[in-house]
């Protein structure tokens, strides 16, 4: 007996000329994006009665931003930027140079403009950018340090670029380049919460004595 002919047409399955059913072949759904990481509010810490303990708890929350890849990649101790959530070396290889804007003849602005730029790449979906794009100064190099060591560094004017605590708050709460961490471009996970929440937590930490965890 001759086998019945099987014909698969777009949207239909035919066997021996008889239409059996309509078949659709939908592309698989892309995996859902992970929800953005959040920050606790200042109000979440009011139940901690001891100001020093509250200050430490507040800075631990601040540390979620400080230790995120969006901040750490631009605060390298080795004066060479890193990339990605795994903080791999910058590709192409790059160093900060004397002023943090790249070496002579190859400034950061060679690739990084005043705003994020989308690309057609699969691995790199956008090139980050900001009008002040640069590595953090050497005084604010953090990678590889404990949160306690970072805390002691950022509150010490001799080690934070000469900033007072008020100036430190202004920098963290309002600086446009710091704010890039919450608008990092396609393909990058933003820093937790918002810059406004981050600034509020920093101010509350200062108001409770700017205590630091043990280094």
Protein backbone atom coordinates (compact mmCIF):
# COMPACT_ATOMS: atom_id res chain seq x y z
CA UNK A 1 0.00 0.00 0.00
CA UNK A 2 1.36 3.37 -0.99
CA UNK A 3 1.86 5.75 2.00
CA UNK A 4 -0.36 8.80 1.98
CA UNK A 5 1.41 11.99 1.01
CA UNK A 6 2.08 14.39 3.86
CA UNK A 7 2.22 18.08 3.09
CA UNK A 8 3.01 20.71 5.71
CA UNK A 9 1.92 24.14 4.63
CA UNK A 10 2.12 27.40 6.54
CA UNK A 11 -0.66 27.23 9.08
CA UNK A 12 -2.10 23.86 7.87
CA UNK A 13 -1.30 20.15 8.05
CA UNK A 14 -2.37 18.16 4.94
CA UNK A 15 -2.33 14.35 4.69
CA UNK A 16 -3.28 12.90 1.33
CA UNK A 17 -5.02 16.14 0.38
CA UNK A 18 -7.24 16.24 3.51
CA UNK A 19 -7.01 19.22 5.86
CA UNK A 20 -6.70 17.82 9.37
CA UNK A 21 -6.10 20.90 11.48
CA UNK A 22 -4.57 24.33 11.55
CA UNK A 23 -1.09 24.35 13.03
CA UNK A 24 0.82 27.40 14.17
CA UNK A 25 4.48 27.51 15.06
CA UNK A 26 5.05 30.47 17.39
CA UNK A 27 8.54 31.55 18.39
CA UNK A 28 9.38 30.74 22.00
CA UNK A 29 8.73 33.51 24.48
CA UNK A 30 11.92 35.34 25.54
CA UNK A 31 12.78 34.92 29.22
CA UNK A 32 11.24 37.57 31.44
CA UNK A 33 13.63 40.27 32.57
CA UNK A 34 14.54 40.18 36.23
CA UNK A 35 12.74 42.89 38.22
CA UNK A 36 14.90 45.88 39.13
CA UNK A 37 16.67 45.59 42.48
CA UNK A 38 15.19 47.92 45.08
CA UNK A 39 16.47 49.91 48.05
CA UNK A 40 14.88 50.24 51.46
CA UNK A 41 13.63 53.70 52.38
CA UNK A 42 15.00 55.79 55.24
CA UNK A 43 11.74 55.11 57.09
CA UNK A 44 12.56 51.39 57.13
CA UNK A 45 15.38 52.12 59.59
CA UNK A 46 13.52 54.31 62.12
CA UNK A 47 12.80 51.30 64.34
CA UNK A 48 16.55 51.04 65.10
CA UNK A 49 16.72 53.19 68.22
CA UNK A 50 20.50 53.42 68.62
CA UNK A 51 21.81 56.10 66.20
CA UNK A 52 25.14 54.33 65.67
CA UNK A 53 23.45 51.04 64.86
CA UNK A 54 21.02 52.83 62.55
CA UNK A 55 23.93 54.58 60.83
CA UNK A 56 25.65 51.26 60.19
CA UNK A 57 22.45 49.73 58.84
CA UNK A 58 21.90 52.72 56.55
CA UNK A 59 25.40 52.45 55.13
CA UNK A 60 24.92 48.74 54.49
CA UNK A 61 21.95 49.74 52.32
CA UNK A 62 24.00 52.47 50.63
CA UNK A 63 26.58 49.77 49.95
CA UNK A 64 24.16 47.97 47.62
CA UNK A 65 24.76 50.82 45.17
CA UNK A 66 28.42 51.47 45.93
CA UNK A 67 29.29 47.80 45.44
CA UNK A 68 27.14 47.31 42.35
CA UNK A 69 28.93 46.72 39.02
CA UNK A 70 27.62 50.05 37.72
CA UNK A 71 29.76 51.85 40.30
CA UNK A 72 32.64 49.43 40.78
CA UNK A 73 33.51 49.24 37.08
CA UNK A 74 34.45 52.94 37.15
CA UNK A 75 36.23 52.84 40.54
CA UNK A 76 39.11 50.40 39.86
CA UNK A 77 42.18 50.36 42.07
CA UNK A 78 44.32 49.21 39.13
CA UNK A 79 43.34 52.35 37.13
CA UNK A 80 41.94 50.29 34.27
CA UNK A 81 38.16 50.16 33.79
CA UNK A 82 36.20 46.94 33.92
CA UNK A 83 32.93 45.98 32.21
CA UNK A 84 29.79 43.93 32.73
CA UNK A 85 28.18 42.50 35.83
CA UNK A 86 31.20 40.18 36.23
CA UNK A 87 33.63 43.13 36.04
CA UNK A 88 35.77 41.65 33.28
CA UNK A 89 38.59 43.74 31.77
CA UNK A 90 37.59 46.54 29.42
CA UNK A 91 37.59 45.48 25.77
CA UNK A 92 39.53 46.94 24.01
CA UNK A 93 42.19 47.21 26.72
CA UNK A 94 42.14 50.66 28.32
CA UNK A 95 43.78 52.60 31.14
CA UNK A 96 42.67 55.73 32.88
CA UNK A 97 45.72 57.84 32.13
CA UNK A 98 46.79 60.71 34.34
CA UNK A 99 43.38 62.42 34.52
CA UNK A 100 41.10 59.39 34.26
CA UNK A 101 40.08 60.25 30.68
CA UNK A 102 42.23 57.66 28.92
CA UNK A 103 45.82 57.64 27.65
CA UNK A 104 47.28 60.27 25.36
CA UNK A 105 45.98 59.76 21.83
CA UNK A 106 43.09 57.50 22.89
CA UNK A 107 40.77 59.41 25.23
CA UNK A 108 37.56 57.84 26.55
CA UNK A 109 35.67 60.19 24.23
CA UNK A 110 37.01 58.20 21.26
CA UNK A 111 34.18 55.74 21.93
CA UNK A 112 32.07 57.23 24.73
CA UNK A 113 29.94 60.22 23.81
CA UNK A 114 27.66 62.45 25.91
CA UNK A 115 24.89 59.80 26.06
CA UNK A 116 24.32 56.06 25.71
CA UNK A 117 24.28 54.83 22.09
CA UNK A 118 22.46 51.66 21.00
CA UNK A 119 24.38 49.15 18.88
CA UNK A 120 23.45 46.21 16.66
CA UNK A 121 25.69 43.81 18.57
CA UNK A 122 24.47 40.71 20.36
CA UNK A 123 27.00 40.82 23.19
CA UNK A 124 27.24 44.61 23.53
CA UNK A 125 23.82 46.20 23.07
CA UNK A 126 24.85 49.77 23.80
CA UNK A 127 27.91 51.94 24.37
CA UNK A 128 27.61 53.92 27.61
CA UNK A 129 28.08 57.66 27.61
CA UNK A 130 27.84 60.84 29.66
CA UNK A 131 29.18 64.39 29.18
CA UNK A 132 31.67 63.74 32.03
CA UNK A 133 32.51 60.11 31.18
CA UNK A 134 35.75 59.14 32.93
CA UNK A 135 37.22 56.87 35.55
CA UNK A 136 36.77 57.95 39.15
CA UNK A 137 39.89 59.68 40.50
CA UNK A 138 42.47 57.55 42.26
CA UNK A 139 41.27 58.92 45.62
CA UNK A 140 37.98 57.12 45.00
CA UNK A 141 39.38 53.77 43.87
CA UNK A 142 37.29 51.04 45.54
CA UNK A 143 37.49 47.72 43.72
CA UNK A 144 38.70 44.91 45.92
CA UNK A 145 38.10 46.77 49.18
CA UNK A 146 35.65 45.87 51.93
CA UNK A 147 32.58 48.03 52.47
CA UNK A 148 34.09 49.23 55.75
CA UNK A 149 37.30 50.30 54.00
CA UNK A 150 35.30 52.08 51.30
CA UNK A 151 33.25 53.87 53.96
CA UNK A 152 36.35 55.11 55.79
CA UNK A 153 37.78 56.31 52.49
CA UNK A 154 34.78 58.24 51.22
CA UNK A 155 34.24 60.16 54.49
CA UNK A 156 37.90 61.21 54.80
CA UNK A 157 38.61 64.46 52.88
CA UNK A 158 42.26 63.48 52.61
CA UNK A 159 41.23 60.38 50.66
CA UNK A 160 38.04 61.41 48.83
CA UNK A 161 39.20 64.34 46.73
CA UNK A 162 38.81 66.94 49.50
CA UNK A 163 35.04 66.59 49.88
CA UNK A 164 33.18 67.35 53.08
CA UNK A 165 30.28 65.10 54.02
CA UNK A 166 27.88 67.70 52.61
CA UNK A 167 29.82 67.78 49.33
CA UNK A 168 29.92 63.99 49.31
CA UNK A 169 26.13 63.88 49.63
CA UNK A 170 25.71 66.39 46.81
CA UNK A 171 27.99 64.32 44.59
CA UNK A 172 26.14 61.08 45.25
CA UNK A 173 22.64 62.51 45.19
CA UNK A 174 22.89 64.93 42.26
CA UNK A 175 25.95 64.30 40.10
CA UNK A 176 24.89 63.43 36.54
CA UNK A 177 27.63 60.88 35.97
CA UNK A 178 26.74 59.12 39.24
CA UNK A 179 23.14 59.16 38.01
CA UNK A 180 24.18 57.20 34.91
CA UNK A 181 24.26 54.11 37.17
CA UNK A 182 20.43 54.12 37.06
CA UNK A 183 20.33 54.73 33.30
CA UNK A 184 23.17 52.54 32.03
CA UNK A 185 21.85 51.71 28.58
CA UNK A 186 20.51 48.54 27.00
CA UNK A 187 22.18 45.33 28.16
CA UNK A 188 23.20 46.56 31.63
CA UNK A 189 21.49 46.08 34.95
CA UNK A 190 20.82 49.43 36.68
CA UNK A 191 22.04 50.12 40.19
CA UNK A 192 19.46 49.29 42.89
CA UNK A 193 16.67 51.77 43.59
CA UNK A 194 16.95 55.34 42.29
CA UNK A 195 19.48 58.11 42.70
CA UNK A 196 16.97 60.04 44.81
CA UNK A 197 16.58 57.11 47.21
CA UNK A 198 20.34 56.67 47.29
CA UNK A 199 20.82 60.34 48.19
CA UNK A 200 18.24 60.12 50.98
CA UNK A 201 19.98 57.11 52.48
CA UNK A 202 23.37 58.85 52.30
CA UNK A 203 21.95 61.92 54.05
CA UNK A 204 20.37 59.79 56.77
CA UNK A 205 23.70 58.00 57.24
CA UNK A 206 25.42 61.37 57.67
CA UNK A 207 22.72 62.61 60.07
CA UNK A 208 23.21 59.56 62.30
CA UNK A 209 26.95 60.06 62.64
CA UNK A 210 28.32 58.59 59.38
CA UNK A 211 29.39 55.40 61.12
CA UNK A 212 31.42 52.84 59.17
CA UNK A 213 31.39 49.05 59.34
CA UNK A 214 34.59 47.37 60.44
CA UNK A 215 37.08 47.29 57.61
